[in-house]
Structure formats: structure tokens, C-alpha cells
Amino acid sequence: AAPYAAAILDFLEVAVERLDEGDLKSVPGANYDLIVVEGAVTRAPEAWLKALAPGGRLAVVERDGPVGKAALYVRADDEIGRRTVFDATPPVLAGFEPEHGFAF
């Protein structure tokens, strides 16, 4: 879906920066109005939240079990809000797998 979405946004003359390889836990640059993650992570990395512009949004599925929660983060000037939107089960992105410890 990412290539299609990038093509549509490019057609609409929206600046798109697509990252699909390398260190995905860091984000080049800053002041993004929107970051969409097409895969699940255990928890949104702090670097992604810091890369948002004021009023910017991060859409990501956070998952550490069979079912994840789609979360929408919104950055205000000095704080970040989070809202759970729906359940989802996309695959976990490489490098973002949950670390499960020993449990009885």
C-alpha cells in the first residue's frame, strides 16, 4: 500500500518521504505534519514523536501480542496526546519485535 499511497500523495503535490529500509527507529529531519507507519511496533519510538511538527500526527499500530491497537498521536506545542482508534493486526516491522521475558 505504501507505494500506491506515495504515488497518490505525490500526484496531489504533497511532499512525501518514504522510508522502508535502514534504521527505521530514527527519522531524518523534523517538523513532519504526518507520519504513517504501515506495520506494527511495540511502542512508538520517541524519535518519531519528536520529529512531529506542532499539530503533527503519527498514525501507528502498537502491538505486543496477537492484536494491536491503532494509535493516533497528536503533537501540541509542548506535549503529545495519544488516542486509541481501533484494533488491528498488521505484521510487526523488523527490528520492532516485542521482547518477552520469562513468565510462569
C-alpha atoms as a PDB file:
ATOM      1  CA  ALA A   1       0.000   0.000   0.000  1.00  0.00           C
ATOM      2  CA  ALA A   2       2.891   2.397   0.672  1.00  0.00           C
ATOM      3  CA  PRO A   3       3.934   2.782  -2.991  1.00  0.00           C
ATOM      4  CA  TYR A   4       0.324   3.458  -4.027  1.00  0.00           C
ATOM      5  CA  ALA A   5      -0.247   5.952  -1.212  1.00  0.00           C
ATOM      6  CA  ALA A   6       3.026   7.722  -2.024  1.00  0.00           C
ATOM      7  CA  ALA A   7       2.025   7.977  -5.702  1.00  0.00           C
ATOM      8  CA  ILE A   8      -1.396   9.437  -4.843  1.00  0.00           C
ATOM      9  CA  LEU A   9       0.094  11.975  -2.433  1.00  0.00           C
ATOM     10  CA  ASP A  10       2.756  12.902  -4.980  1.00  0.00           C
ATOM     11  CA  PHE A  11       0.008  13.428  -7.584  1.00  0.00           C
ATOM     12  CA  LEU A  12      -1.712  15.764  -5.103  1.00  0.00           C
ATOM     13  CA  GLU A  13       1.613  17.630  -4.806  1.00  0.00           C
ATOM     14  CA  VAL A  14       2.107  16.615  -1.188  1.00  0.00           C
ATOM     15  CA  ALA A  15       5.756  16.233  -0.206  1.00  0.00           C
ATOM     16  CA  VAL A  16       6.361  12.551   0.577  1.00  0.00           C
ATOM     17  CA  GLU A  17       9.412  10.981   2.162  1.00  0.00           C
ATOM     18  CA  ARG A  18       9.163   7.202   2.180  1.00  0.00           C
ATOM     19  CA  LEU A  19      11.399   5.166   4.481  1.00  0.00           C
ATOM     20  CA  ASP A  20      11.399   1.407   4.081  1.00  0.00           C
ATOM     21  CA  GLU A  21      14.968   0.345   4.806  1.00  0.00           C
ATOM     22  CA  GLY A  22      17.820   1.211   7.127  1.00  0.00           C
ATOM     23  CA  ASP A  23      17.333   2.350  10.712  1.00  0.00           C
ATOM     24  CA  LEU A  24      13.588   2.874  10.955  1.00  0.00           C
ATOM     25  CA  LYS A  25      13.777   3.814  14.635  1.00  0.00           C
ATOM     26  CA  SER A  26      15.169   7.226  13.750  1.00  0.00           C
ATOM     27  CA  VAL A  27      13.654   9.787  11.412  1.00  0.00           C
ATOM     28  CA  PRO A  28      15.727  12.043   9.149  1.00  0.00           C
ATOM     29  CA  GLY A  29      14.763  15.656   9.626  1.00  0.00           C
ATOM     30  CA  ALA A  30      11.938  17.043  11.704  1.00  0.00           C
ATOM     31  CA  ASN A  31       8.713  19.016  11.593  1.00  0.00           C
ATOM     32  CA  TYR A  32       6.622  16.386   9.849  1.00  0.00           C
ATOM     33  CA  ASP A  33       2.901  17.117   9.622  1.00  0.00           C
ATOM     34  CA  LEU A  34       2.067  13.426   9.295  1.00  0.00           C
ATOM     35  CA  ILE A  35       3.881  10.140   9.815  1.00  0.00           C
ATOM     36  CA  VAL A  36       2.038   6.964   8.786  1.00  0.00           C
ATOM     37  CA  VAL A  37       3.540   3.611   9.761  1.00  0.00           C
ATOM     38  CA  GLU A  38       2.430   0.649   7.634  1.00  0.00           C
ATOM     39  CA  GLY A  39       3.275  -2.063  10.125  1.00  0.00           C
ATOM     40  CA  ALA A  40       3.193  -2.627  13.856  1.00  0.00           C
ATOM     41  CA  VAL A  41       5.683  -1.679  16.552  1.00  0.00           C
ATOM     42  CA  THR A  42       5.699  -2.472  20.255  1.00  0.00           C
ATOM     43  CA  ARG A  43       5.628   1.223  21.143  1.00  0.00           C
ATOM     44  CA  ALA A  44       6.169   4.334  19.031  1.00  0.00           C
ATOM     45  CA  PRO A  45       9.819   5.399  19.339  1.00  0.00           C
ATOM     46  CA  GLU A  46      10.456   8.748  20.991  1.00  0.00           C
ATOM     47  CA  ALA A  47      12.354   9.876  17.866  1.00  0.00           C
ATOM     48  CA  TRP A  48       9.163   9.601  15.798  1.00  0.00           C
ATOM     49  CA  LEU A  49       7.233  11.733  18.290  1.00  0.00           C
ATOM     50  CA  LYS A  50       9.997  14.352  18.430  1.00  0.00           C
ATOM     51  CA  ALA A  51      10.004  14.556  14.607  1.00  0.00           C
ATOM     52  CA  LEU A  52       6.404  15.833  14.532  1.00  0.00           C
ATOM     53  CA  ALA A  53       5.708  19.500  13.880  1.00  0.00           C
ATOM     54  CA  PRO A  54       3.290  21.285  16.222  1.00  0.00           C
ATOM     55  CA  GLY A  55      -0.126  19.985  15.179  1.00  0.00           C
ATOM     56  CA  GLY A  56       1.568  16.985  13.526  1.00  0.00           C
ATOM     57  CA  ARG A  57       0.129  13.480  13.733  1.00  0.00           C
ATOM     58  CA  LEU A  58       1.598   9.989  13.963  1.00  0.00           C
ATOM     59  CA  ALA A  59      -0.589   7.031  12.967  1.00  0.00           C
ATOM     60  CA  VAL A  60       0.838   3.692  14.113  1.00  0.00           C
ATOM     61  CA  VAL A  61      -0.284   0.267  15.320  1.00  0.00           C
ATOM     62  CA  GLU A  62       1.240  -0.644  18.675  1.00  0.00           C
ATOM     63  CA  ARG A  63       1.307  -4.380  19.223  1.00  0.00           C
ATOM     64  CA  ASP A  64       2.985  -6.733  21.676  1.00  0.00           C
ATOM     65  CA  GLY A  65       0.573  -9.643  21.349  1.00  0.00           C
ATOM     66  CA  PRO A  66      -1.793 -11.159  18.800  1.00  0.00           C
ATOM     67  CA  VAL A  67      -3.892  -7.987  18.422  1.00  0.00           C
ATOM     68  CA  GLY A  68      -2.575  -4.447  18.289  1.00  0.00           C
ATOM     69  CA  LYS A  69      -4.166  -1.057  18.808  1.00  0.00           C
ATOM     70  CA  ALA A  70      -4.061   1.643  16.161  1.00  0.00           C
ATOM     71  CA  ALA A  71      -2.929   4.789  17.935  1.00  0.00           C
ATOM     72  CA  LEU A  72      -3.097   8.384  16.794  1.00  0.00           C
ATOM     73  CA  TYR A  73      -0.576  10.722  18.393  1.00  0.00           C
ATOM     74  CA  VAL A  74      -1.057  14.477  18.030  1.00  0.00           C
ATOM     75  CA  ARG A  75       1.648  16.956  18.974  1.00  0.00           C
ATOM     76  CA  ALA A  76       0.765  20.263  20.590  1.00  0.00           C
ATOM     77  CA  ASP A  77       3.407  22.935  21.160  1.00  0.00           C
ATOM     78  CA  ASP A  78       4.836  21.322  24.293  1.00  0.00           C
ATOM     79  CA  GLU A  79       3.045  17.997  24.743  1.00  0.00           C
ATOM     80  CA  ILE A  80       1.832  14.954  22.832  1.00  0.00           C
ATOM     81  CA  GLY A  81      -1.606  13.371  23.108  1.00  0.00           C
ATOM     82  CA  ARG A  82      -2.452   9.760  22.279  1.00  0.00           C
ATOM     83  CA  ARG A  83      -5.766   8.180  21.347  1.00  0.00           C
ATOM     84  CA  THR A  84      -6.527   4.538  20.569  1.00  0.00           C
ATOM     85  CA  VAL A  85      -8.636   4.303  17.423  1.00  0.00           C
ATOM     86  CA  PHE A  86      -9.261   0.610  16.601  1.00  0.00           C
ATOM     87  CA  ASP A  87      -7.852  -2.921  16.847  1.00  0.00           C
ATOM     88  CA  ALA A  88      -5.536  -4.118  14.074  1.00  0.00           C
ATOM     89  CA  THR A  89      -3.135  -6.978  13.339  1.00  0.00           C
ATOM     90  CA  PRO A  90      -0.537  -5.856  10.788  1.00  0.00           C
ATOM     91  CA  PRO A  91       2.813  -7.635  10.834  1.00  0.00           C
ATOM     92  CA  VAL A  92       5.414  -6.290  13.234  1.00  0.00           C
ATOM     93  CA  LEU A  93       8.162  -4.320  11.481  1.00  0.00           C
ATOM     94  CA  ALA A  94      11.634  -5.879  11.516  1.00  0.00           C
ATOM     95  CA  GLY A  95      13.602  -4.572  14.467  1.00  0.00           C
ATOM     96  CA  PHE A  96      10.467  -3.709  16.448  1.00  0.00           C
ATOM     97  CA  GLU A  97       9.613  -7.180  17.744  1.00  0.00           C
ATOM     98  CA  PRO A  98       8.455  -7.332  21.380  1.00  0.00           C
ATOM     99  CA  GLU A  99      10.913  -8.680  23.929  1.00  0.00           C
ATOM    100  CA  HIS A 100       9.093 -11.201  26.094  1.00  0.00           C
ATOM    101  CA  GLY A 101      10.716 -12.209  29.346  1.00  0.00           C
ATOM    102  CA  PHE A 102      10.247 -15.378  31.326  1.00  0.00           C
ATOM    103  CA  ALA A 103       6.796 -15.854  32.858  1.00  0.00           C
ATOM    104  CA  PHE A 104       5.001 -18.703  34.634  1.00  0.00           C
END
